[in-house]
Amino acid sequence: EDERLGGTPVIFLTAKGMTSDRIAGFRAGVDDYIPKPFDPDE
């Protein structure tokens, strides 16, 4: 909603693996979604 930050890419880190949670994130405008635990190189 911020005019200066609206285009900033956002990546969610989450312990949740449910497909519904991932869909909710993408619908909210998140750019990528990485479940924990994650590989640091990835």
PDB file of all heavy atoms in Angstrom:
ATOM      1  N   GLU A   1       0.813  -1.218   0.000  1.00  0.00           N
ATOM      2  CA  GLU A   1       0.000   0.000   0.000  1.00  0.00           C
ATOM      3  C   GLU A   1       0.848   1.272   0.000  1.00  0.00           C
ATOM      4  O   GLU A   1       0.318   2.360  -0.209  1.00  0.00           O
ATOM      5  CB  GLU A   1      -0.922   0.014   1.227  1.00  0.00           C
ATOM      6  CG  GLU A   1      -2.026  -1.041   1.165  1.00  0.00           C
ATOM      7  CD  GLU A   1      -2.854  -1.081   2.433  1.00  0.00           C
ATOM      8  OE1 GLU A   1      -2.430  -0.470   3.450  1.00  0.00           O
ATOM      9  OE2 GLU A   1      -3.917  -1.740   2.428  1.00  0.00           O
ATOM     10  N   ASP A   2       2.156   1.133   0.229  1.00  0.00           N
ATOM     11  CA  ASP A   2       3.032   2.299   0.296  1.00  0.00           C
ATOM     12  C   ASP A   2       3.536   2.656  -1.100  1.00  0.00           C
ATOM     13  O   ASP A   2       4.012   1.787  -1.838  1.00  0.00           O
ATOM     14  CB  ASP A   2       4.223   2.007   1.217  1.00  0.00           C
ATOM     15  CG  ASP A   2       5.088   3.235   1.441  1.00  0.00           C
ATOM     16  OD1 ASP A   2       4.782   4.016   2.340  1.00  0.00           O
ATOM     17  OD2 ASP A   2       6.069   3.412   0.691  1.00  0.00           O
ATOM     18  N   GLU A   3       3.456   3.934  -1.474  1.00  0.00           N
ATOM     19  CA  GLU A   3       3.818   4.324  -2.834  1.00  0.00           C
ATOM     20  C   GLU A   3       5.306   4.163  -3.116  1.00  0.00           C
ATOM     21  O   GLU A   3       5.698   3.955  -4.256  1.00  0.00           O
ATOM     22  CB  GLU A   3       3.378   5.759  -3.122  1.00  0.00           C
ATOM     23  CG  GLU A   3       4.122   6.830  -2.356  1.00  0.00           C
ATOM     24  CD  GLU A   3       3.720   8.231  -2.798  1.00  0.00           C
ATOM     25  OE1 GLU A   3       2.616   8.399  -3.340  1.00  0.00           O
ATOM     26  OE2 GLU A   3       4.525   9.151  -2.588  1.00  0.00           O
ATOM     27  N   ARG A   4       6.159   4.250  -2.098  1.00  0.00           N
ATOM     28  CA  ARG A   4       7.601   4.090  -2.329  1.00  0.00           C
ATOM     29  C   ARG A   4       8.017   2.626  -2.301  1.00  0.00           C
ATOM     30  O   ARG A   4       8.968   2.238  -2.977  1.00  0.00           O
ATOM     31  CB  ARG A   4       8.399   4.852  -1.272  1.00  0.00           C
ATOM     32  CG  ARG A   4       8.209   6.359  -1.301  1.00  0.00           C
ATOM     33  CD  ARG A   4       9.208   7.029  -0.388  1.00  0.00           C
ATOM     34  NE  ARG A   4       9.173   6.454   0.947  1.00  0.00           N
ATOM     35  CZ  ARG A   4      10.198   6.430   1.793  1.00  0.00           C
ATOM     36  NH1 ARG A   4      11.355   6.925   1.446  1.00  0.00           N
ATOM     37  NH2 ARG A   4      10.067   5.900   2.999  1.00  0.00           N
ATOM     38  N   LEU A   5       7.331   1.805  -1.515  1.00  0.00           N
ATOM     39  CA  LEU A   5       7.752   0.424  -1.289  1.00  0.00           C
ATOM     40  C   LEU A   5       6.858  -0.601  -1.972  1.00  0.00           C
ATOM     41  O   LEU A   5       7.103  -1.799  -1.874  1.00  0.00           O
ATOM     42  CB  LEU A   5       7.782   0.136   0.220  1.00  0.00           C
ATOM     43  CG  LEU A   5       8.816   0.930   1.014  1.00  0.00           C
ATOM     44  CD1 LEU A   5       8.460   0.933   2.497  1.00  0.00           C
ATOM     45  CD2 LEU A   5      10.201   0.360   0.805  1.00  0.00           C
ATOM     46  N   GLY A   6       5.825  -0.139  -2.661  1.00  0.00           N
ATOM     47  CA  GLY A   6       4.841  -1.056  -3.228  1.00  0.00           C
ATOM     48  C   GLY A   6       5.405  -2.087  -4.182  1.00  0.00           C
ATOM     49  O   GLY A   6       4.883  -3.193  -4.289  1.00  0.00           O
ATOM     50  N   GLY A   7       6.485  -1.751  -4.890  1.00  0.00           N
ATOM     51  CA  GLY A   7       7.060  -2.682  -5.849  1.00  0.00           C
ATOM     52  C   GLY A   7       8.193  -3.519  -5.304  1.00  0.00           C
ATOM     53  O   GLY A   7       8.815  -4.286  -6.049  1.00  0.00           O
ATOM     54  N   THR A   8       8.489  -3.409  -4.002  1.00  0.00           N
ATOM     55  CA  THR A   8       9.600  -4.163  -3.404  1.00  0.00           C
ATOM     56  C   THR A   8       9.298  -5.656  -3.386  1.00  0.00           C
ATOM     57  O   THR A   8       8.258  -6.069  -2.860  1.00  0.00           O
ATOM     58  CB  THR A   8       9.861  -3.685  -1.966  1.00  0.00           C
ATOM     59  OG1 THR A   8      10.082  -2.280  -1.964  1.00  0.00           O
ATOM     60  CG2 THR A   8      11.078  -4.401  -1.377  1.00  0.00           C
ATOM     61  N   PRO A   9      10.177  -6.490  -3.936  1.00  0.00           N
ATOM     62  CA  PRO A   9       9.941  -7.936  -3.885  1.00  0.00           C
ATOM     63  C   PRO A   9       9.933  -8.442  -2.439  1.00  0.00           C
ATOM     64  O   PRO A   9      10.766  -8.034  -1.626  1.00  0.00           O
ATOM     65  CB  PRO A   9      11.138  -8.516  -4.658  1.00  0.00           C
ATOM     66  CG  PRO A   9      11.619  -7.405  -5.516  1.00  0.00           C
ATOM     67  CD  PRO A   9      11.375  -6.152  -4.722  1.00  0.00           C
ATOM     68  N   VAL A  10       9.000  -9.328  -2.131  1.00  0.00           N
ATOM     69  CA  VAL A  10       8.872  -9.903  -0.792  1.00  0.00           C
ATOM     70  C   VAL A  10       8.869 -11.420  -0.904  1.00  0.00           C
ATOM     71  O   VAL A  10       8.129 -11.990  -1.716  1.00  0.00           O
ATOM     72  CB  VAL A  10       7.578  -9.429  -0.097  1.00  0.00           C
ATOM     73  CG1 VAL A  10       7.440 -10.083   1.277  1.00  0.00           C
ATOM     74  CG2 VAL A  10       7.563  -7.907   0.036  1.00  0.00           C
ATOM     75  N   ILE A  11       9.704 -12.065  -0.105  1.00  0.00           N
ATOM     76  CA  ILE A  11       9.763 -13.528  -0.048  1.00  0.00           C
ATOM     77  C   ILE A  11       9.372 -13.959   1.360  1.00  0.00           C
ATOM     78  O   ILE A  11       9.953 -13.487   2.340  1.00  0.00           O
ATOM     79  CB  ILE A  11      11.170 -14.059  -0.391  1.00  0.00           C
ATOM     80  CG1 ILE A  11      11.553 -13.657  -1.826  1.00  0.00           C
ATOM     81  CG2 ILE A  11      11.237 -15.572  -0.225  1.00  0.00           C
ATOM     82  CD1 ILE A  11      12.973 -14.050  -2.206  1.00  0.00           C
ATOM     83  N   PHE A  12       8.392 -14.843   1.472  1.00  0.00           N
ATOM     84  CA  PHE A  12       7.967 -15.350   2.775  1.00  0.00           C
ATOM     85  C   PHE A  12       8.799 -16.570   3.171  1.00  0.00           C
ATOM     86  O   PHE A  12       9.031 -17.467   2.358  1.00  0.00           O
ATOM     87  CB  PHE A  12       6.495 -15.757   2.727  1.00  0.00           C
ATOM     88  CG  PHE A  12       5.527 -14.646   3.041  1.00  0.00           C
ATOM     89  CD1 PHE A  12       4.165 -14.835   2.819  1.00  0.00           C
ATOM     90  CD2 PHE A  12       5.953 -13.431   3.557  1.00  0.00           C
ATOM     91  CE1 PHE A  12       3.253 -13.828   3.105  1.00  0.00           C
ATOM     92  CE2 PHE A  12       5.055 -12.420   3.845  1.00  0.00           C
ATOM     93  CZ  PHE A  12       3.694 -12.620   3.620  1.00  0.00           C
ATOM     94  N   LEU A  13       9.227 -16.588   4.425  1.00  0.00           N
ATOM     95  CA  LEU A  13       9.842 -17.754   5.035  1.00  0.00           C
ATOM     96  C   LEU A  13       8.837 -18.296   6.051  1.00  0.00           C
ATOM     97  O   LEU A  13       8.387 -17.551   6.922  1.00  0.00           O
ATOM     98  CB  LEU A  13      11.131 -17.376   5.762  1.00  0.00           C
ATOM     99  CG  LEU A  13      12.171 -16.572   4.975  1.00  0.00           C
ATOM    100  CD1 LEU A  13      13.321 -16.168   5.883  1.00  0.00           C
ATOM    101  CD2 LEU A  13      12.682 -17.392   3.800  1.00  0.00           C
ATOM    102  N   THR A  14       8.482 -19.562   5.932  1.00  0.00           N
ATOM    103  CA  THR A  14       7.450 -20.062   6.834  1.00  0.00           C
ATOM    104  C   THR A  14       7.621 -21.540   7.117  1.00  0.00           C
ATOM    105  O   THR A  14       8.130 -22.299   6.288  1.00  0.00           O
ATOM    106  CB  THR A  14       6.053 -19.831   6.246  1.00  0.00           C
ATOM    107  OG1 THR A  14       5.081 -20.348   7.144  1.00  0.00           O
ATOM    108  CG2 THR A  14       5.895 -20.501   4.893  1.00  0.00           C
ATOM    109  N   ALA A  15       7.199 -21.933   8.305  1.00  0.00           N
ATOM    110  CA  ALA A  15       7.222 -23.339   8.681  1.00  0.00           C
ATOM    111  C   ALA A  15       6.006 -24.068   8.139  1.00  0.00           C
ATOM    112  O   ALA A  15       5.947 -25.291   8.135  1.00  0.00           O
ATOM    113  CB  ALA A  15       7.274 -23.474  10.197  1.00  0.00           C
ATOM    114  N   LYS A  16       5.040 -23.311   7.671  1.00  0.00           N
ATOM    115  CA  LYS A  16       3.819 -23.942   7.177  1.00  0.00           C
ATOM    116  C   LYS A  16       4.039 -24.505   5.775  1.00  0.00           C
ATOM    117  O   LYS A  16       4.634 -23.862   4.934  1.00  0.00           O
ATOM    118  CB  LYS A  16       2.678 -22.931   7.146  1.00  0.00           C
ATOM    119  CG  LYS A  16       2.217 -22.495   8.530  1.00  0.00           C
ATOM    120  CD  LYS A  16       0.996 -21.584   8.414  1.00  0.00           C
ATOM    121  CE  LYS A  16       0.476 -21.220   9.791  1.00  0.00           C
ATOM    122  NZ  LYS A  16      -0.726 -20.367   9.717  1.00  0.00           N
ATOM    123  N   GLY A  17       3.497 -25.703   5.538  1.00  0.00           N
ATOM    124  CA  GLY A  17       3.644 -26.308   4.226  1.00  0.00           C
ATOM    125  C   GLY A  17       2.330 -26.496   3.506  1.00  0.00           C
ATOM    126  O   GLY A  17       2.276 -27.105   2.444  1.00  0.00           O
ATOM    127  N   MET A  18       1.247 -25.997   4.102  1.00  0.00           N
ATOM    128  CA  MET A  18      -0.067 -26.182   3.511  1.00  0.00           C
ATOM    129  C   MET A  18      -0.204 -25.407   2.206  1.00  0.00           C
ATOM    130  O   MET A  18       0.200 -24.250   2.104  1.00  0.00           O
ATOM    131  CB  MET A  18      -1.145 -25.701   4.488  1.00  0.00           C
ATOM    132  CG  MET A  18      -1.191 -26.478   5.789  1.00  0.00           C
ATOM    133  SD  MET A  18      -1.844 -28.142   5.587  1.00  0.00           S
ATOM    134  CE  MET A  18      -3.549 -27.752   5.220  1.00  0.00           C
ATOM    135  N   THR A  19      -0.770 -26.058   1.200  1.00  0.00           N
ATOM    136  CA  THR A  19      -0.984 -25.402  -0.089  1.00  0.00           C
ATOM    137  C   THR A  19      -1.848 -24.165   0.068  1.00  0.00           C
ATOM    138  O   THR A  19      -1.612 -23.136  -0.579  1.00  0.00           O
ATOM    139  CB  THR A  19      -1.638 -26.378  -1.075  1.00  0.00           C
ATOM    140  OG1 THR A  19      -0.788 -27.515  -1.253  1.00  0.00           O
ATOM    141  CG2 THR A  19      -1.867 -25.708  -2.421  1.00  0.00           C
ATOM    142  N   SER A  20      -2.861 -24.231   0.957  1.00  0.00           N
ATOM    143  CA  SER A  20      -3.753 -23.090   1.148  1.00  0.00           C
ATOM    144  C   SER A  20      -2.998 -21.874   1.656  1.00  0.00           C
ATOM    145  O   SER A  20      -3.310 -20.736   1.292  1.00  0.00           O
ATOM    146  CB  SER A  20      -4.877 -23.449   2.122  1.00  0.00           C
ATOM    147  OG  SER A  20      -4.344 -23.841   3.384  1.00  0.00           O
ATOM    148  N   ASP A  21      -1.984 -22.096   2.509  1.00  0.00           N
ATOM    149  CA  ASP A  21      -1.195 -20.982   3.030  1.00  0.00           C
ATOM    150  C   ASP A  21      -0.343 -20.361   1.929  1.00  0.00           C
ATOM    151  O   ASP A  21      -0.181 -19.138   1.868  1.00  0.00           O
ATOM    152  CB  ASP A  21      -0.291 -21.457   4.173  1.00  0.00           C
ATOM    153  CG  ASP A  21      -1.102 -21.910   5.380  1.00  0.00           C
ATOM    154  OD1 ASP A  21      -2.058 -21.198   5.743  1.00  0.00           O
ATOM    155  OD2 ASP A  21      -0.787 -22.962   5.938  1.00  0.00           O
ATOM    156  N   ARG A  22       0.197 -21.200   1.079  1.00  0.00           N
ATOM    157  CA  ARG A  22       1.003 -20.688  -0.025  1.00  0.00           C
ATOM    158  C   ARG A  22       0.128 -19.872  -0.981  1.00  0.00           C
ATOM    159  O   ARG A  22       0.524 -18.802  -1.446  1.00  0.00           O
ATOM    160  CB  ARG A  22       1.669 -21.854  -0.767  1.00  0.00           C
ATOM    161  CG  ARG A  22       2.679 -22.616   0.067  1.00  0.00           C
ATOM    162  CD  ARG A  22       3.121 -23.903  -0.636  1.00  0.00           C
ATOM    163  NE  ARG A  22       3.850 -23.614  -1.857  1.00  0.00           N
ATOM    164  CZ  ARG A  22       5.171 -23.414  -1.903  1.00  0.00           C
ATOM    165  NH1 ARG A  22       5.889 -23.448  -0.798  1.00  0.00           N
ATOM    166  NH2 ARG A  22       5.775 -23.185  -3.044  1.00  0.00           N
ATOM    167  N   ILE A  23      -1.061 -20.382  -1.270  1.00  0.00           N
ATOM    168  CA  ILE A  23      -1.981 -19.661  -2.157  1.00  0.00           C
ATOM    169  C   ILE A  23      -2.357 -18.320  -1.545  1.00  0.00           C
ATOM    170  O   ILE A  23      -2.394 -17.292  -2.235  1.00  0.00           O
ATOM    171  CB  ILE A  23      -3.238 -20.506  -2.432  1.00  0.00           C
ATOM    172  CG1 ILE A  23      -2.870 -21.733  -3.272  1.00  0.00           C
ATOM    173  CG2 ILE A  23      -4.306 -19.674  -3.146  1.00  0.00           C
ATOM    174  CD1 ILE A  23      -4.007 -22.717  -3.458  1.00  0.00           C
ATOM    175  N   ALA A  24      -2.619 -18.309  -0.233  1.00  0.00           N
ATOM    176  CA  ALA A  24      -2.961 -17.048   0.440  1.00  0.00           C
ATOM    177  C   ALA A  24      -1.821 -16.043   0.309  1.00  0.00           C
ATOM    178  O   ALA A  24      -2.053 -14.851   0.101  1.00  0.00           O
ATOM    179  CB  ALA A  24      -3.271 -17.310   1.914  1.00  0.00           C
ATOM    180  N   GLY A  25      -0.576 -16.526   0.417  1.00  0.00           N
ATOM    181  CA  GLY A  25       0.577 -15.643   0.273  1.00  0.00           C
ATOM    182  C   GLY A  25       0.669 -15.040  -1.115  1.00  0.00           C
ATOM    183  O   GLY A  25       0.869 -13.831  -1.268  1.00  0.00           O
ATOM    184  N   PHE A  26       0.505 -15.867  -2.120  1.00  0.00           N
ATOM    185  CA  PHE A  26       0.582 -15.358  -3.494  1.00  0.00           C
ATOM    186  C   PHE A  26      -0.572 -14.402  -3.797  1.00  0.00           C
ATOM    187  O   PHE A  26      -0.385 -13.395  -4.488  1.00  0.00           O
ATOM    188  CB  PHE A  26       0.597 -16.512  -4.494  1.00  0.00           C
ATOM    189  CG  PHE A  26       1.899 -17.264  -4.512  1.00  0.00           C
ATOM    190  CD1 PHE A  26       1.945 -18.635  -4.289  1.00  0.00           C
ATOM    191  CD2 PHE A  26       3.099 -16.607  -4.760  1.00  0.00           C
ATOM    192  CE1 PHE A  26       3.149 -19.329  -4.307  1.00  0.00           C
ATOM    193  CE2 PHE A  26       4.306 -17.291  -4.779  1.00  0.00           C
ATOM    194  CZ  PHE A  26       4.328 -18.648  -4.548  1.00  0.00           C
ATOM    195  N   ARG A  27      -1.748 -14.706  -3.285  1.00  0.00           N
ATOM    196  CA  ARG A  27      -2.881 -13.812  -3.512  1.00  0.00           C
ATOM    197  C   ARG A  27      -2.663 -12.459  -2.841  1.00  0.00           C
ATOM    198  O   ARG A  27      -3.165 -11.435  -3.299  1.00  0.00           O
ATOM    199  CB  ARG A  27      -4.176 -14.454  -2.990  1.00  0.00           C
ATOM    200  CG  ARG A  27      -4.723 -15.534  -3.907  1.00  0.00           C
ATOM    201  CD  ARG A  27      -5.980 -16.171  -3.334  1.00  0.00           C
ATOM    202  NE  ARG A  27      -6.583 -17.109  -4.276  1.00  0.00           N
ATOM    203  CZ  ARG A  27      -7.582 -17.923  -3.981  1.00  0.00           C
ATOM    204  NH1 ARG A  27      -8.091 -17.921  -2.748  1.00  0.00           N
ATOM    205  NH2 ARG A  27      -8.079 -18.743  -4.888  1.00  0.00           N
ATOM    206  N   ALA A  28      -1.920 -12.464  -1.742  1.00  0.00           N
ATOM    207  CA  ALA A  28      -1.647 -11.217  -1.029  1.00  0.00           C
ATOM    208  C   ALA A  28      -0.548 -10.399  -1.698  1.00  0.00           C
ATOM    209  O   ALA A  28      -0.332  -9.255  -1.317  1.00  0.00           O
ATOM    210  CB  ALA A  28      -1.273 -11.513   0.421  1.00  0.00           C
ATOM    211  N   GLY A  29       0.129 -11.002  -2.684  1.00  0.00           N
ATOM    212  CA  GLY A  29       1.133 -10.247  -3.426  1.00  0.00           C
ATOM    213  C   GLY A  29       2.564 -10.610  -3.124  1.00  0.00           C
ATOM    214  O   GLY A  29       3.483  -9.878  -3.504  1.00  0.00           O
ATOM    215  N   VAL A  30       2.796 -11.745  -2.451  1.00  0.00           N
ATOM    216  CA  VAL A  30       4.168 -12.162  -2.180  1.00  0.00           C
ATOM    217  C   VAL A  30       4.816 -12.652  -3.471  1.00  0.00           C
ATOM    218  O   VAL A  30       4.143 -13.186  -4.354  1.00  0.00           O
ATOM    219  CB  VAL A  30       4.197 -13.248  -1.080  1.00  0.00           C
ATOM    220  CG1 VAL A  30       3.764 -14.599  -1.630  1.00  0.00           C
ATOM    221  CG2 VAL A  30       5.574 -13.347  -0.438  1.00  0.00           C
ATOM    222  N   ASP A  31       6.125 -12.454  -3.607  1.00  0.00           N
ATOM    223  CA  ASP A  31       6.823 -12.828  -4.839  1.00  0.00           C
ATOM    224  C   ASP A  31       7.325 -14.259  -4.831  1.00  0.00           C
ATOM    225  O   ASP A  31       7.449 -14.885  -5.880  1.00  0.00           O
ATOM    226  CB  ASP A  31       8.004 -11.874  -5.077  1.00  0.00           C
ATOM    227  CG  ASP A  31       7.535 -10.468  -5.371  1.00  0.00           C
ATOM    228  OD1 ASP A  31       7.346  -9.688  -4.425  1.00  0.00           O
ATOM    229  OD2 ASP A  31       7.338 -10.151  -6.554  1.00  0.00           O
ATOM    230  N   ASP A  32       7.654 -14.774  -3.662  1.00  0.00           N
ATOM    231  CA  ASP A  32       8.131 -16.152  -3.562  1.00  0.00           C
ATOM    232  C   ASP A  32       7.840 -16.635  -2.153  1.00  0.00           C
ATOM    233  O   ASP A  32       7.532 -15.846  -1.255  1.00  0.00           O
ATOM    234  CB  ASP A  32       9.640 -16.226  -3.870  1.00  0.00           C
ATOM    235  CG  ASP A  32      10.052 -17.597  -4.392  1.00  0.00           C
ATOM    236  OD1 ASP A  32       9.241 -18.550  -4.303  1.00  0.00           O
ATOM    237  OD2 ASP A  32      11.188 -17.722  -4.887  1.00  0.00           O
ATOM    238  N   TYR A  33       7.972 -17.951  -1.968  1.00  0.00           N
ATOM    239  CA  TYR A  33       7.515 -18.577  -0.737  1.00  0.00           C
ATOM    240  C   TYR A  33       8.465 -19.733  -0.454  1.00  0.00           C
ATOM    241  O   TYR A  33       8.533 -20.676  -1.231  1.00  0.00           O
ATOM    242  CB  TYR A  33       6.093 -19.094  -0.979  1.00  0.00           C
ATOM    243  CG  TYR A  33       5.181 -19.159   0.207  1.00  0.00           C
ATOM    244  CD1 TYR A  33       4.078 -18.324   0.295  1.00  0.00           C
ATOM    245  CD2 TYR A  33       5.384 -20.089   1.217  1.00  0.00           C
ATOM    246  CE1 TYR A  33       3.196 -18.394   1.350  1.00  0.00           C
ATOM    247  CE2 TYR A  33       4.516 -20.168   2.292  1.00  0.00           C
ATOM    248  CZ  TYR A  33       3.420 -19.320   2.361  1.00  0.00           C
ATOM    249  OH  TYR A  33       2.554 -19.393   3.406  1.00  0.00           O
ATOM    250  N   ILE A  34       9.220 -19.693   0.649  1.00  0.00           N
ATOM    251  CA  ILE A  34      10.201 -20.739   0.948  1.00  0.00           C
ATOM    252  C   ILE A  34       9.896 -21.334   2.320  1.00  0.00           C
ATOM    253  O   ILE A  34       9.911 -20.625   3.324  1.00  0.00           O
ATOM    254  CB  ILE A  34      11.635 -20.186   0.922  1.00  0.00           C
ATOM    255  CG1 ILE A  34      11.929 -19.570  -0.445  1.00  0.00           C
ATOM    256  CG2 ILE A  34      12.646 -21.274   1.252  1.00  0.00           C
ATOM    257  CD1 ILE A  34      13.314 -18.951  -0.546  1.00  0.00           C
ATOM    258  N   PRO A  35       9.592 -22.658   2.378  1.00  0.00           N
ATOM    259  CA  PRO A  35       9.284 -23.283   3.670  1.00  0.00           C
ATOM    260  C   PRO A  35      10.552 -23.559   4.483  1.00  0.00           C
ATOM    261  O   PRO A  35      11.622 -23.832   3.938  1.00  0.00           O
ATOM    262  CB  PRO A  35       8.590 -24.593   3.266  1.00  0.00           C
ATOM    263  CG  PRO A  35       9.163 -24.912   1.922  1.00  0.00           C
ATOM    264  CD  PRO A  35       9.419 -23.591   1.249  1.00  0.00           C
ATOM    265  N   LYS A  36      10.428 -23.431   5.801  1.00  0.00           N
ATOM    266  CA  LYS A  36      11.507 -23.798   6.716  1.00  0.00           C
ATOM    267  C   LYS A  36      11.389 -25.291   7.027  1.00  0.00           C
ATOM    268  O   LYS A  36      10.272 -25.816   7.107  1.00  0.00           O
ATOM    269  CB  LYS A  36      11.411 -23.012   8.017  1.00  0.00           C
ATOM    270  CG  LYS A  36      11.530 -21.507   7.886  1.00  0.00           C
ATOM    271  CD  LYS A  36      11.310 -20.863   9.249  1.00  0.00           C
ATOM    272  CE  LYS A  36      11.348 -19.354   9.191  1.00  0.00           C
ATOM    273  NZ  LYS A  36      11.075 -18.738  10.504  1.00  0.00           N
ATOM    274  N   PRO A  37      12.506 -25.969   7.257  1.00  0.00           N
ATOM    275  CA  PRO A  37      13.886 -25.477   7.131  1.00  0.00           C
ATOM    276  C   PRO A  37      14.273 -25.359   5.665  1.00  0.00           C
ATOM    277  O   PRO A  37      13.823 -26.153   4.836  1.00  0.00           O
ATOM    278  CB  PRO A  37      14.706 -26.542   7.853  1.00  0.00           C
ATOM    279  CG  PRO A  37      13.910 -27.801   7.685  1.00  0.00           C
ATOM    280  CD  PRO A  37      12.471 -27.376   7.697  1.00  0.00           C
ATOM    281  N   PHE A  38      15.094 -24.381   5.343  1.00  0.00           N
ATOM    282  CA  PHE A  38      15.471 -24.159   3.956  1.00  0.00           C
ATOM    283  C   PHE A  38      16.972 -24.330   3.792  1.00  0.00           C
ATOM    284  O   PHE A  38      17.755 -24.204   4.740  1.00  0.00           O
ATOM    285  CB  PHE A  38      15.059 -22.758   3.491  1.00  0.00           C
ATOM    286  CG  PHE A  38      15.450 -21.670   4.460  1.00  0.00           C
ATOM    287  CD1 PHE A  38      16.747 -21.197   4.523  1.00  0.00           C
ATOM    288  CD2 PHE A  38      14.495 -21.136   5.306  1.00  0.00           C
ATOM    289  CE1 PHE A  38      17.095 -20.207   5.421  1.00  0.00           C
ATOM    290  CE2 PHE A  38      14.842 -20.144   6.208  1.00  0.00           C
ATOM    291  CZ  PHE A  38      16.142 -19.675   6.269  1.00  0.00           C
ATOM    292  N   ASP A  39      17.367 -24.642   2.572  1.00  0.00           N
ATOM    293  CA  ASP A  39      18.786 -24.738   2.253  1.00  0.00           C
ATOM    294  C   ASP A  39      19.308 -23.320   1.998  1.00  0.00           C
ATOM    295  O   ASP A  39      18.730 -22.592   1.182  1.00  0.00           O
ATOM    296  CB  ASP A  39      18.978 -25.602   0.998  1.00  0.00           C
ATOM    297  CG  ASP A  39      20.439 -25.725   0.618  1.00  0.00           C
ATOM    298  OD1 ASP A  39      20.937 -24.830  -0.101  1.00  0.00           O
ATOM    299  OD2 ASP A  39      21.086 -26.691   1.044  1.00  0.00           O
ATOM    300  N   PRO A  40      20.379 -22.901   2.671  1.00  0.00           N
ATOM    301  CA  PRO A  40      20.845 -21.514   2.514  1.00  0.00           C
ATOM    302  C   PRO A  40      21.255 -21.177   1.083  1.00  0.00           C
ATOM    303  O   PRO A  40      21.061 -20.055   0.628  1.00  0.00           O
ATOM    304  CB  PRO A  40      22.032 -21.421   3.479  1.00  0.00           C
ATOM    305  CG  PRO A  40      22.436 -22.833   3.742  1.00  0.00           C
ATOM    306  CD  PRO A  40      21.191 -23.644   3.651  1.00  0.00           C
ATOM    307  N   ASP A  41      21.827 -22.151   0.376  1.00  0.00           N
ATOM    308  CA  ASP A  41      22.208 -21.896  -1.015  1.00  0.00           C
ATOM    309  C   ASP A  41      20.975 -21.634  -1.882  1.00  0.00           C
ATOM    310  O   ASP A  41      20.990 -20.769  -2.766  1.00  0.00           O
ATOM    311  CB  ASP A  41      23.001 -23.069  -1.585  1.00  0.00           C
ATOM    312  CG  ASP A  41      24.396 -23.163  -1.007  1.00  0.00           C
ATOM    313  OD1 ASP A  41      24.959 -22.104  -0.657  1.00  0.00           O
ATOM    314  OD2 ASP A  41      24.924 -24.279  -0.902  1.00  0.00           O
ATOM    315  N   GLU A  42      19.903 -22.393  -1.613  1.00  0.00           N
ATOM    316  CA  GLU A  42      18.676 -22.172  -2.375  1.00  0.00           C
ATOM    317  C   GLU A  42      18.085 -20.807  -2.049  1.00  0.00           C
ATOM    318  O   GLU A  42      17.613 -20.093  -2.942  1.00  0.00           O
ATOM    319  CB  GLU A  42      17.637 -23.251  -2.067  1.00  0.00           C
ATOM    320  CG  GLU A  42      16.327 -23.039  -2.839  1.00  0.00           C
ATOM    321  CD  GLU A  42      15.252 -24.050  -2.485  1.00  0.00           C
ATOM    322  OE1 GLU A  42      15.495 -24.909  -1.617  1.00  0.00           O
ATOM    323  OE2 GLU A  42      14.161 -23.971  -3.084  1.00  0.00           O
TER     324      GLU A  42
END
